C-alpha atoms as a PDB file:
ATOM      1  CA  MET A   1      54.405 -24.392 -51.985  1.00  0.00           C
ATOM      2  CA  ASN A   2      53.883 -27.666 -49.820  1.00  0.00           C
ATOM      3  CA  GLU A   3      50.650 -27.709 -47.888  1.00  0.00           C
ATOM      4  CA  PRO A   4      50.929 -28.789 -44.298  1.00  0.00           C
ATOM      5  CA  THR A   5      48.604 -31.357 -42.678  1.00  0.00           C
ATOM      6  CA  ARG A   6      45.973 -29.708 -40.738  1.00  0.00           C
ATOM      7  CA  ARG A   7      44.413 -31.701 -37.851  1.00  0.00           C
ATOM      8  CA  CYS A   8      41.379 -29.642 -36.284  1.00  0.00           C
ATOM      9  CA  VAL A   9      40.019 -31.034 -32.901  1.00  0.00           C
ATOM     10  CA  GLY A  10      38.445 -28.178 -30.644  1.00  0.00           C
ATOM     11  CA  VAL A  11      35.609 -30.016 -28.697  1.00  0.00           C
ATOM     12  CA  ARG A  12      34.740 -33.598 -29.832  1.00  0.00           C
ATOM     13  CA  ASP A  13      33.159 -36.666 -28.121  1.00  0.00           C
ATOM     14  CA  VAL A  14      32.831 -34.636 -24.366  1.00  0.00           C
ATOM     15  CA  ARG A  15      30.284 -35.616 -22.523  1.00  0.00           C
ATOM     16  CA  PHE A  16      29.196 -32.176 -20.498  1.00  0.00           C
ATOM     17  CA  GLY A  17      27.383 -32.203 -17.421  1.00  0.00           C
ATOM     18  CA  ALA A  18      25.142 -28.829 -16.346  1.00  0.00           C
ATOM     19  CA  ARG A  19      26.480 -25.928 -16.373  1.00  0.00           C
ATOM     20  CA  VAL A  20      29.974 -26.380 -17.688  1.00  0.00           C
ATOM     21  CA  THR A  21      32.088 -23.326 -18.955  1.00  0.00           C
ATOM     22  CA  ILE A  22      34.709 -23.673 -21.805  1.00  0.00           C
ATOM     23  CA  VAL A  23      36.743 -20.256 -22.607  1.00  0.00           C
ATOM     24  CA  GLU A  24      38.255 -21.253 -26.358  1.00  0.00           C
ATOM     25  CA  PRO A  25      40.331 -22.060 -28.217  1.00  0.00           C
ATOM     26  CA  VAL A  26      40.661 -25.637 -26.185  1.00  0.00           C
ATOM     27  CA  ASN A  27      41.437 -29.081 -27.143  1.00  0.00           C
ATOM     28  CA  LEU A  28      38.928 -31.356 -25.312  1.00  0.00           C
ATOM     29  CA  TYR A  29      38.379 -34.681 -26.422  1.00  0.00           C
ATOM     30  CA  GLY A  30      37.099 -37.788 -25.218  1.00  0.00           C
ATOM     31  CA  CYS A  31      36.679 -37.228 -22.413  1.00  0.00           C
ATOM     32  CA  THR A  32      33.929 -36.263 -19.440  1.00  0.00           C
ATOM     33  CA  LEU A  33      33.468 -32.629 -17.761  1.00  0.00           C
ATOM     34  CA  ALA A  34      30.935 -32.788 -15.098  1.00  0.00           C
ATOM     35  CA  ASP A  35      28.580 -30.018 -13.402  1.00  0.00           C
ATOM     36  CA  GLU A  36      30.109 -26.906 -13.317  1.00  0.00           C
ATOM     37  CA  VAL A  37      33.302 -27.175 -14.544  1.00  0.00           C
ATOM     38  CA  PHE A  38      35.562 -24.544 -15.687  1.00  0.00           C
ATOM     39  CA  VAL A  39      38.029 -25.323 -18.579  1.00  0.00           C
ATOM     40  CA  GLY A  40      40.279 -22.173 -18.961  1.00  0.00           C
ATOM     41  CA  PRO A  41      41.509 -21.255 -23.091  1.00  0.00           C
ATOM     42  CA  PHE A  42      44.592 -22.931 -24.667  1.00  0.00           C
ATOM     43  CA  VAL A  43      43.445 -25.699 -22.140  1.00  0.00           C
ATOM     44  CA  GLU A  44      43.967 -29.679 -23.711  1.00  0.00           C
ATOM     45  CA  ILE A  45      41.823 -32.190 -22.160  1.00  0.00           C
ATOM     46  CA  GLN A  46      42.816 -35.541 -23.948  1.00  0.00           C
ATOM     47  CA  ALA A  47      40.623 -38.713 -23.995  1.00  0.00           C
ATOM     48  CA  ASN A  48      39.830 -41.085 -20.859  1.00  0.00           C
ATOM     49  CA  VAL A  49      40.169 -37.713 -18.815  1.00  0.00           C
ATOM     50  CA  SER A  50      37.184 -37.648 -16.040  1.00  0.00           C
ATOM     51  CA  ILE A  51      36.839 -33.540 -13.899  1.00  0.00           C
ATOM     52  CA  GLY A  52      34.957 -33.819 -11.074  1.00  0.00           C
ATOM     53  CA  ARG A  53      32.056 -31.289 -10.136  1.00  0.00           C
ATOM     54  CA  GLU A  54      32.520 -27.425  -9.720  1.00  0.00           C
ATOM     55  CA  THR A  55      37.015 -28.298 -10.771  1.00  0.00           C
ATOM     56  CA  ARG A  56      38.185 -25.440 -12.332  1.00  0.00           C
ATOM     57  CA  ILE A  57      41.707 -25.646 -14.417  1.00  0.00           C
ATOM     58  CA  GLN A  58      43.567 -22.556 -15.892  1.00  0.00           C
ATOM     59  CA  SER A  59      44.584 -21.940 -18.960  1.00  0.00           C
ATOM     60  CA  HIS A  60      47.585 -23.656 -20.856  1.00  0.00           C
ATOM     61  CA  SER A  61      47.103 -26.578 -19.081  1.00  0.00           C
ATOM     62  CA  PHE A  62      47.296 -30.141 -20.457  1.00  0.00           C
ATOM     63  CA  ILE A  63      45.776 -33.213 -19.395  1.00  0.00           C
ATOM     64  CA  CYS A  64      46.384 -35.943 -20.667  1.00  0.00           C
ATOM     65  CA  GLU A  65      45.037 -39.203 -21.206  1.00  0.00           C
ATOM     66  CA  GLN A  66      44.058 -41.735 -18.135  1.00  0.00           C
ATOM     67  CA  VAL A  67      43.592 -38.894 -15.587  1.00  0.00           C
ATOM     68  CA  THR A  68      40.923 -38.829 -13.339  1.00  0.00           C
ATOM     69  CA  ILE A  69      40.872 -34.959 -11.266  1.00  0.00           C
ATOM     70  CA  GLY A  70      38.064 -34.928  -8.354  1.00  0.00           C
ATOM     71  CA  GLU A  71      35.395 -32.552  -7.264  1.00  0.00           C
ATOM     72  CA  ARG A  72      35.919 -29.152  -6.283  1.00  0.00           C
ATOM     73  CA  CYS A  73      40.145 -28.795  -7.415  1.00  0.00           C
ATOM     74  CA  PHE A  74      41.575 -26.196  -8.631  1.00  0.00           C
ATOM     75  CA  ILE A  75      44.131 -26.692 -11.573  1.00  0.00           C
ATOM     76  CA  GLY A  76      46.238 -23.690 -11.880  1.00  0.00           C
ATOM     77  CA  HIS A  77      48.606 -22.191 -15.017  1.00  0.00           C
ATOM     78  CA  GLY A  78      49.991 -24.113 -17.519  1.00  0.00           C
ATOM     79  CA  VAL A  79      49.836 -27.265 -15.173  1.00  0.00           C
ATOM     80  CA  MET A  80      51.153 -30.482 -17.307  1.00  0.00           C
ATOM     81  CA  PHE A  81      50.254 -33.861 -16.335  1.00  0.00           C
ATOM     82  CA  ALA A  82      52.111 -36.676 -18.377  1.00  0.00           C
ATOM     83  CA  ASN A  83      51.756 -40.350 -18.336  1.00  0.00           C
ATOM     84  CA  ASP A  84      54.189 -42.090 -20.268  1.00  0.00           C
ATOM     85  CA  LEU A  85      57.297 -42.332 -18.355  1.00  0.00           C
ATOM     86  CA  PHE A  86      59.820 -43.095 -21.248  1.00  0.00           C
ATOM     87  CA  GLN A  87      61.203 -46.458 -19.167  1.00  0.00           C
ATOM     88  CA  GLY A  88      62.629 -47.793 -22.432  1.00  0.00           C
ATOM     89  CA  GLY A  89      64.212 -44.339 -22.954  1.00  0.00           C
ATOM     90  CA  ALA A  90      61.270 -43.020 -25.588  1.00  0.00           C
ATOM     91  CA  PRO A  91      58.088 -42.617 -25.868  1.00  0.00           C
ATOM     92  CA  ASP A  92      56.153 -45.959 -26.031  1.00  0.00           C
ATOM     93  CA  PRO A  93      52.644 -45.724 -28.668  1.00  0.00           C
ATOM     94  CA  ASP A  94      51.184 -48.331 -26.402  1.00  0.00           C
ATOM     95  CA  SER A  95      48.726 -46.581 -24.209  1.00  0.00           C
ATOM     96  CA  ALA A  96      48.617 -49.786 -21.884  1.00  0.00           C
ATOM     97  CA  ASN A  97      52.046 -49.246 -20.544  1.00  0.00           C
ATOM     98  CA  TRP A  98      50.986 -45.307 -19.351  1.00  0.00           C
ATOM     99  CA  GLY A  99      50.754 -44.469 -15.685  1.00  0.00           C
ATOM    100  CA  ARG A 100      47.079 -43.553 -13.998  1.00  0.00           C
ATOM    101  CA  THR A 101      46.384 -40.132 -12.387  1.00  0.00           C
ATOM    102  CA  VAL A 102      44.090 -40.034  -9.941  1.00  0.00           C
ATOM    103  CA  ILE A 103      43.241 -36.583  -8.413  1.00  0.00           C
ATOM    104  CA  ASP A 104      40.803 -36.761  -5.144  1.00  0.00           C
ATOM    105  CA  ASP A 105      39.103 -34.004  -4.284  1.00  0.00           C
ATOM    106  CA  GLU A 106      39.605 -30.780  -3.065  1.00  0.00           C
ATOM    107  CA  VAL A 107      43.074 -30.349  -4.598  1.00  0.00           C
ATOM    108  CA  SER A 108      44.583 -27.588  -5.149  1.00  0.00           C
ATOM    109  CA  ILE A 109      47.678 -27.621  -8.028  1.00  0.00           C
ATOM    110  CA  GLY A 110      49.773 -24.701  -8.581  1.00  0.00           C
ATOM    111  CA  SER A 111      50.717 -23.222 -11.624  1.00  0.00           C
ATOM    112  CA  ASN A 112      53.532 -24.516 -13.870  1.00  0.00           C
ATOM    113  CA  ALA A 113      53.482 -28.157 -12.021  1.00  0.00           C
ATOM    114  CA  THR A 114      53.746 -31.390 -13.352  1.00  0.00           C
ATOM    115  CA  ILE A 115      52.689 -34.172 -12.193  1.00  0.00           C
ATOM    116  CA  LEU A 116      53.671 -37.630 -12.977  1.00  0.00           C
ATOM    117  CA  PRO A 117      51.023 -40.664 -12.545  1.00  0.00           C
ATOM    118  CA  VAL A 118      50.559 -40.162  -9.163  1.00  0.00           C
ATOM    119  CA  ARG A 119      47.729 -40.218  -6.361  1.00  0.00           C
ATOM    120  CA  ILE A 120      47.186 -37.291  -4.761  1.00  0.00           C
ATOM    121  CA  CYS A 121      45.468 -37.546  -1.367  1.00  0.00           C
ATOM    122  CA  LYS A 122      42.124 -34.609  -0.464  1.00  0.00           C
ATOM    123  CA  GLY A 123      42.953 -31.810   0.782  1.00  0.00           C
ATOM    124  CA  ALA A 124      46.272 -31.229  -0.947  1.00  0.00           C
ATOM    125  CA  VAL A 125      47.646 -28.341  -1.811  1.00  0.00           C
ATOM    126  CA  ILE A 126      50.909 -28.819  -4.476  1.00  0.00           C
ATOM    127  CA  GLY A 127      52.798 -25.468  -4.972  1.00  0.00           C
ATOM    128  CA  ALA A 128      53.365 -23.661  -8.015  1.00  0.00           C
ATOM    129  CA  GLY A 129      56.068 -25.240 -10.485  1.00  0.00           C
ATOM    130  CA  ALA A 130      56.512 -28.182  -8.058  1.00  0.00           C
ATOM    131  CA  VAL A 131      57.300 -32.266  -9.664  1.00  0.00           C
ATOM    132  CA  VAL A 132      55.396 -34.764  -8.320  1.00  0.00           C
ATOM    133  CA  THR A 133      56.681 -37.905  -8.978  1.00  0.00           C
ATOM    134  CA  ARG A 134      55.601 -40.113  -6.217  1.00  0.00           C
ATOM    135  CA  ASP A 135      51.514 -40.600  -4.508  1.00  0.00           C
ATOM    136  CA  ILE A 136      50.902 -38.011  -1.971  1.00  0.00           C
ATOM    137  CA  THR A 137      49.095 -39.715   1.444  1.00  0.00           C
ATOM    138  CA  ILE A 138      48.953 -37.251   3.598  1.00  0.00           C
ATOM    139  CA  PRO A 139      46.926 -34.038   3.653  1.00  0.00           C
ATOM    140  CA  GLY A 140      49.325 -30.664   3.314  1.00  0.00           C
ATOM    141  CA  THR A 141      51.079 -28.412   1.292  1.00  0.00           C
ATOM    142  CA  TYR A 142      53.835 -29.973  -0.985  1.00  0.00           C
ATOM    143  CA  ALA A 143      56.366 -28.130  -3.108  1.00  0.00           C
ATOM    144  CA  GLY A 144      59.991 -28.435  -5.043  1.00  0.00           C
ATOM    145  CA  ASN A 145      61.051 -31.253  -7.223  1.00  0.00           C
ATOM    146  CA  PRO A 146      60.918 -33.852  -6.279  1.00  0.00           C
ATOM    147  CA  ALA A 147      57.765 -32.252  -4.510  1.00  0.00           C
ATOM    148  CA  ARG A 148      57.807 -32.690  -0.544  1.00  0.00           C
ATOM    149  CA  LEU A 149      55.807 -31.963   1.996  1.00  0.00           C
ATOM    150  CA  LEU A 150      56.328 -28.646   3.270  1.00  0.00           C
ATOM    151  CA  ARG A 151      53.598 -28.566   5.985  1.00  0.00           C
ATOM    152  CA  ALA A 152      50.786 -31.346   7.198  1.00  0.00           C
ATOM    153  CA  PHE A 153      47.305 -30.364   7.755  1.00  0.00           C
END
């Protein structure tokens, strides 16, 4: 019987602030978690990701490379970030071509939302299941596919 190739990550090369909580199992590698960050179980946070102070990331979320999340944000269950837009019709192995995502402070993202390479302004609320395909520059509540402004604050 053949054996698979096993690659175990767990928690490796992570810069932790004070009072960070992680609930295992998680895959965290090459990222930075500021003070008082919470990371739920079954979360993957890849290299070159920065998570701001007092941000909460709920279970089953995936934060790919080149994402910056601000302070006091909430990332709901099963939120997916994407950085490769498959512009050539297939995955691009060159990370220099991948998009960057910036989530400003005090943003809440509902469960099962998908966030493409965009910037989301301070205080925005992204509804559950929304697909964010463009920058969000006006604080308010957004929902749908693609996400649209429902109510400005």
